[in-house]
Every structure is written in C-alpha cells, then in structure tokens.
C-alpha cells in the first residue's frame, strides 16, 4: 500500500465553523483558529479546544493540548 493511500487511514478532515456574529464578537479567537490550520492535531484532544471555545473552566483543561492555544505543543 502506498503512503498516499495510508494517509487516509490516519488523517481525519476537521473543520471549525463560526457564524458571522461569532466572528464579529471574537476576532482574536477567529485569528487563533486561522493560525492553527496547518498544525497537526489528535482528535483525542478536541475537548481541550472545546473547553477554550466554550469558556469552560475545568481542572481537565490543558492549554498544551488545545489546538488554538499559543501554548499548544504538537507531538
């Protein structure tokens, strides 16, 4: 099997949609999302990004695993 075919077994399409209203009210967050477009990301860590986007304060949040955080560290 070629590397190109294997790519589709581990690369999952991922998209973040923002409404026009959200874009107007959260320009910094929208820029952070745009800046993360080419970063490698594990869907296992999606909850950390959702905690951030939802302004959810929890002991489980890790900014190093949050795709849109400036402290994000890819593996």
N, C-alpha and C. Protein backbone atom coordinates (compact mmCIF):
# COMPACT_ATOMS: atom_id res chain seq x y z
N UNK A 1 0.85 -1.18 0.00
CA UNK A 1 0.00 0.00 0.00
C UNK A 1 0.90 1.25 0.00
N UNK A 2 0.57 2.21 -0.80
CA UNK A 2 1.39 3.41 -0.89
C UNK A 2 1.13 4.34 0.29
N UNK A 3 2.08 5.23 0.53
CA UNK A 3 1.94 6.19 1.63
C UNK A 3 0.72 7.08 1.41
N UNK A 4 0.43 7.41 0.16
CA UNK A 4 -0.73 8.25 -0.15
C UNK A 4 -2.03 7.57 0.30
N UNK A 5 -2.13 6.28 0.08
CA UNK A 5 -3.33 5.55 0.49
C UNK A 5 -3.40 5.40 2.00
N UNK A 6 -2.26 5.20 2.64
CA UNK A 6 -2.23 5.08 4.10
C UNK A 6 -2.64 6.38 4.78
N UNK A 7 -2.34 7.49 4.15
CA UNK A 7 -2.66 8.80 4.70
C UNK A 7 -4.14 8.90 5.07
N UNK A 8 -5.00 8.32 4.27
CA UNK A 8 -6.44 8.41 4.51
C UNK A 8 -6.91 7.52 5.66
N UNK A 9 -6.03 6.68 6.18
CA UNK A 9 -6.38 5.87 7.33
C UNK A 9 -6.14 6.60 8.64
N UNK A 10 -5.27 7.62 8.61
CA UNK A 10 -4.98 8.32 9.85
C UNK A 10 -5.21 9.83 9.79
N UNK A 11 -5.48 10.38 8.65
CA UNK A 11 -5.79 11.81 8.55
C UNK A 11 -7.31 11.98 8.48
N UNK A 12 -7.85 12.71 9.43
CA UNK A 12 -9.28 12.93 9.52
C UNK A 12 -9.58 14.38 9.17
N UNK A 13 -10.47 14.61 8.21
CA UNK A 13 -10.83 16.00 7.91
C UNK A 13 -11.42 16.68 9.16
N UNK A 14 -11.04 17.91 9.37
CA UNK A 14 -11.51 18.63 10.56
C UNK A 14 -11.79 20.07 10.18
N UNK A 15 -12.90 20.59 10.65
CA UNK A 15 -13.29 21.94 10.30
C UNK A 15 -13.92 22.63 11.51
N UNK A 16 -13.65 23.91 11.65
CA UNK A 16 -14.30 24.72 12.68
C UNK A 16 -15.11 25.78 11.95
N UNK A 17 -16.41 25.80 12.20
CA UNK A 17 -17.29 26.78 11.56
C UNK A 17 -17.65 27.85 12.58
N UNK A 18 -17.64 29.09 12.14
CA UNK A 18 -18.01 30.21 13.01
C UNK A 18 -19.07 31.05 12.30
N UNK A 19 -20.10 31.41 13.01
CA UNK A 19 -21.14 32.26 12.44
C UNK A 19 -20.59 33.68 12.25
N UNK A 20 -21.26 34.46 11.43
CA UNK A 20 -20.84 35.85 11.23
C UNK A 20 -20.85 36.63 12.54
N UNK A 21 -21.85 36.38 13.36
CA UNK A 21 -21.96 37.04 14.65
C UNK A 21 -20.78 36.67 15.56
N UNK A 22 -20.43 35.38 15.58
CA UNK A 22 -19.29 34.92 16.39
C UNK A 22 -18.01 35.58 15.91
N UNK A 23 -17.82 35.65 14.60
CA UNK A 23 -16.62 36.26 14.03
C UNK A 23 -16.49 37.72 14.46
N UNK A 24 -17.60 38.44 14.45
CA UNK A 24 -17.57 39.85 14.86
C UNK A 24 -17.27 40.01 16.34
N UNK A 25 -17.80 39.13 17.16
CA UNK A 25 -17.64 39.25 18.61
C UNK A 25 -16.33 38.65 19.14
N UNK A 26 -15.68 37.77 18.34
CA UNK A 26 -14.49 37.05 18.82
C UNK A 26 -13.35 37.07 17.81
N UNK A 27 -12.90 38.24 17.40
CA UNK A 27 -11.86 38.30 16.35
C UNK A 27 -10.54 37.64 16.76
N UNK A 28 -10.18 37.71 18.01
CA UNK A 28 -8.93 37.09 18.46
C UNK A 28 -9.00 35.58 18.35
N UNK A 29 -10.11 35.01 18.77
CA UNK A 29 -10.29 33.57 18.68
C UNK A 29 -10.32 33.11 17.22
N UNK A 30 -10.98 33.87 16.37
CA UNK A 30 -11.05 33.52 14.95
C UNK A 30 -9.65 33.55 14.34
N UNK A 31 -8.83 34.51 14.70
CA UNK A 31 -7.45 34.56 14.20
C UNK A 31 -6.64 33.37 14.71
N UNK A 32 -6.87 32.96 15.95
CA UNK A 32 -6.18 31.79 16.50
C UNK A 32 -6.58 30.53 15.74
N UNK A 33 -7.85 30.42 15.39
CA UNK A 33 -8.33 29.27 14.61
C UNK A 33 -7.65 29.27 13.24
N UNK A 34 -7.62 30.42 12.59
CA UNK A 34 -6.96 30.52 11.27
C UNK A 34 -5.48 30.17 11.37
N UNK A 35 -4.85 30.56 12.46
CA UNK A 35 -3.43 30.29 12.64
C UNK A 35 -3.11 28.82 12.90
N UNK A 36 -4.13 28.05 13.25
CA UNK A 36 -3.93 26.63 13.57
C UNK A 36 -4.20 25.70 12.41
N UNK A 37 -4.50 26.26 11.25
CA UNK A 37 -4.94 25.44 10.10
C UNK A 37 -3.96 24.33 9.74
N UNK A 38 -2.68 24.58 9.76
CA UNK A 38 -1.70 23.58 9.33
C UNK A 38 -1.07 22.78 10.48
N UNK A 39 -1.54 23.01 11.70
CA UNK A 39 -0.96 22.28 12.83
C UNK A 39 -1.47 20.84 12.87
N UNK A 40 -0.58 19.90 13.15
CA UNK A 40 -1.06 18.52 13.35
C UNK A 40 -1.86 18.46 14.65
N UNK A 41 -2.87 17.62 14.66
CA UNK A 41 -3.80 17.60 15.80
C UNK A 41 -4.39 16.21 15.97
N UNK A 42 -4.48 15.76 17.21
CA UNK A 42 -5.15 14.50 17.53
C UNK A 42 -6.57 14.80 17.98
N UNK A 43 -7.52 14.12 17.39
CA UNK A 43 -8.91 14.36 17.79
C UNK A 43 -9.15 13.97 19.25
N UNK A 44 -8.26 13.19 19.83
CA UNK A 44 -8.35 12.86 21.25
C UNK A 44 -8.34 14.12 22.12
N UNK A 45 -7.72 15.18 21.60
CA UNK A 45 -7.57 16.41 22.37
C UNK A 45 -8.62 17.47 22.02
N UNK A 46 -9.60 17.11 21.27
CA UNK A 46 -10.65 18.05 20.87
C UNK A 46 -11.32 18.70 22.08
N UNK A 47 -11.50 17.95 23.15
CA UNK A 47 -12.18 18.50 24.33
C UNK A 47 -11.47 19.75 24.85
N UNK A 48 -10.14 19.79 24.77
CA UNK A 48 -9.41 20.96 25.26
C UNK A 48 -9.73 22.20 24.43
N UNK A 49 -9.84 22.04 23.13
CA UNK A 49 -10.21 23.17 22.29
C UNK A 49 -11.65 23.60 22.58
N UNK A 50 -12.53 22.65 22.78
CA UNK A 50 -13.93 22.97 23.08
C UNK A 50 -14.07 23.65 24.44
N UNK A 51 -13.27 23.24 25.42
CA UNK A 51 -13.27 23.93 26.71
C UNK A 51 -12.92 25.40 26.50
N UNK A 52 -11.91 25.66 25.68
CA UNK A 52 -11.47 27.02 25.39
C UNK A 52 -12.57 27.79 24.66
N UNK A 53 -13.08 27.23 23.58
CA UNK A 53 -14.09 27.93 22.78
C UNK A 53 -15.37 28.19 23.58
N UNK A 54 -15.70 27.29 24.47
CA UNK A 54 -16.91 27.44 25.27
C UNK A 54 -16.69 28.19 26.57
N UNK A 55 -15.48 28.68 26.79
CA UNK A 55 -15.12 29.37 28.04
C UNK A 55 -15.48 28.53 29.25
N UNK A 56 -15.18 27.25 29.16
CA UNK A 56 -15.47 26.31 30.24
C UNK A 56 -14.23 26.17 31.12
N UNK A 57 -14.34 26.52 32.37
CA UNK A 57 -13.24 26.39 33.32
C UNK A 57 -13.33 25.04 34.00
N UNK A 58 -12.29 24.24 33.82
CA UNK A 58 -12.26 22.90 34.40
C UNK A 58 -10.82 22.51 34.71
N UNK A 59 -10.66 21.64 35.69
CA UNK A 59 -9.32 21.16 36.03
C UNK A 59 -8.77 20.26 34.93
N UNK A 60 -9.60 19.83 34.00
CA UNK A 60 -9.18 18.91 32.94
C UNK A 60 -8.60 19.63 31.72
N UNK A 61 -8.73 20.95 31.67
CA UNK A 61 -8.21 21.71 30.53
C UNK A 61 -6.69 21.75 30.54
N UNK A 62 -6.09 21.46 29.39
CA UNK A 62 -4.63 21.55 29.21
C UNK A 62 -4.37 22.41 27.98
N UNK A 63 -3.82 23.61 28.19
CA UNK A 63 -3.59 24.50 27.06
C UNK A 63 -2.56 23.94 26.09
N UNK A 64 -1.67 23.08 26.55
CA UNK A 64 -0.67 22.48 25.65
C UNK A 64 -1.31 21.49 24.68
N UNK A 65 -2.56 21.09 24.93
CA UNK A 65 -3.29 20.18 24.05
C UNK A 65 -4.41 20.87 23.29
N UNK A 66 -4.55 22.17 23.50
CA UNK A 66 -5.60 22.98 22.86
C UNK A 66 -5.06 23.54 21.55
N UNK A 67 -5.60 23.08 20.44
CA UNK A 67 -5.11 23.43 19.11
C UNK A 67 -5.00 24.93 18.87
N UNK A 68 -5.88 25.72 19.44
CA UNK A 68 -5.86 27.16 19.17
C UNK A 68 -5.14 27.96 20.26
N UNK A 69 -4.57 27.31 21.21
CA UNK A 69 -3.82 27.98 22.27
C UNK A 69 -2.42 28.32 21.79
N UNK A 70 -1.88 29.48 22.20
CA UNK A 70 -0.48 29.80 21.85
C UNK A 70 0.51 28.85 22.52
N UNK A 71 0.05 28.12 23.54
CA UNK A 71 0.90 27.16 24.24
C UNK A 71 0.78 25.74 23.72
N UNK A 72 0.06 25.56 22.60
CA UNK A 72 -0.14 24.22 22.02
C UNK A 72 1.20 23.59 21.62
N UNK A 73 1.33 22.32 21.94
CA UNK A 73 2.54 21.57 21.59
C UNK A 73 2.11 20.31 20.82
N UNK A 74 2.45 20.26 19.54
CA UNK A 74 2.13 19.07 18.76
C UNK A 74 3.13 17.97 19.08
N UNK A 75 2.70 16.77 18.93
CA UNK A 75 3.57 15.62 19.22
C UNK A 75 4.56 15.40 18.10
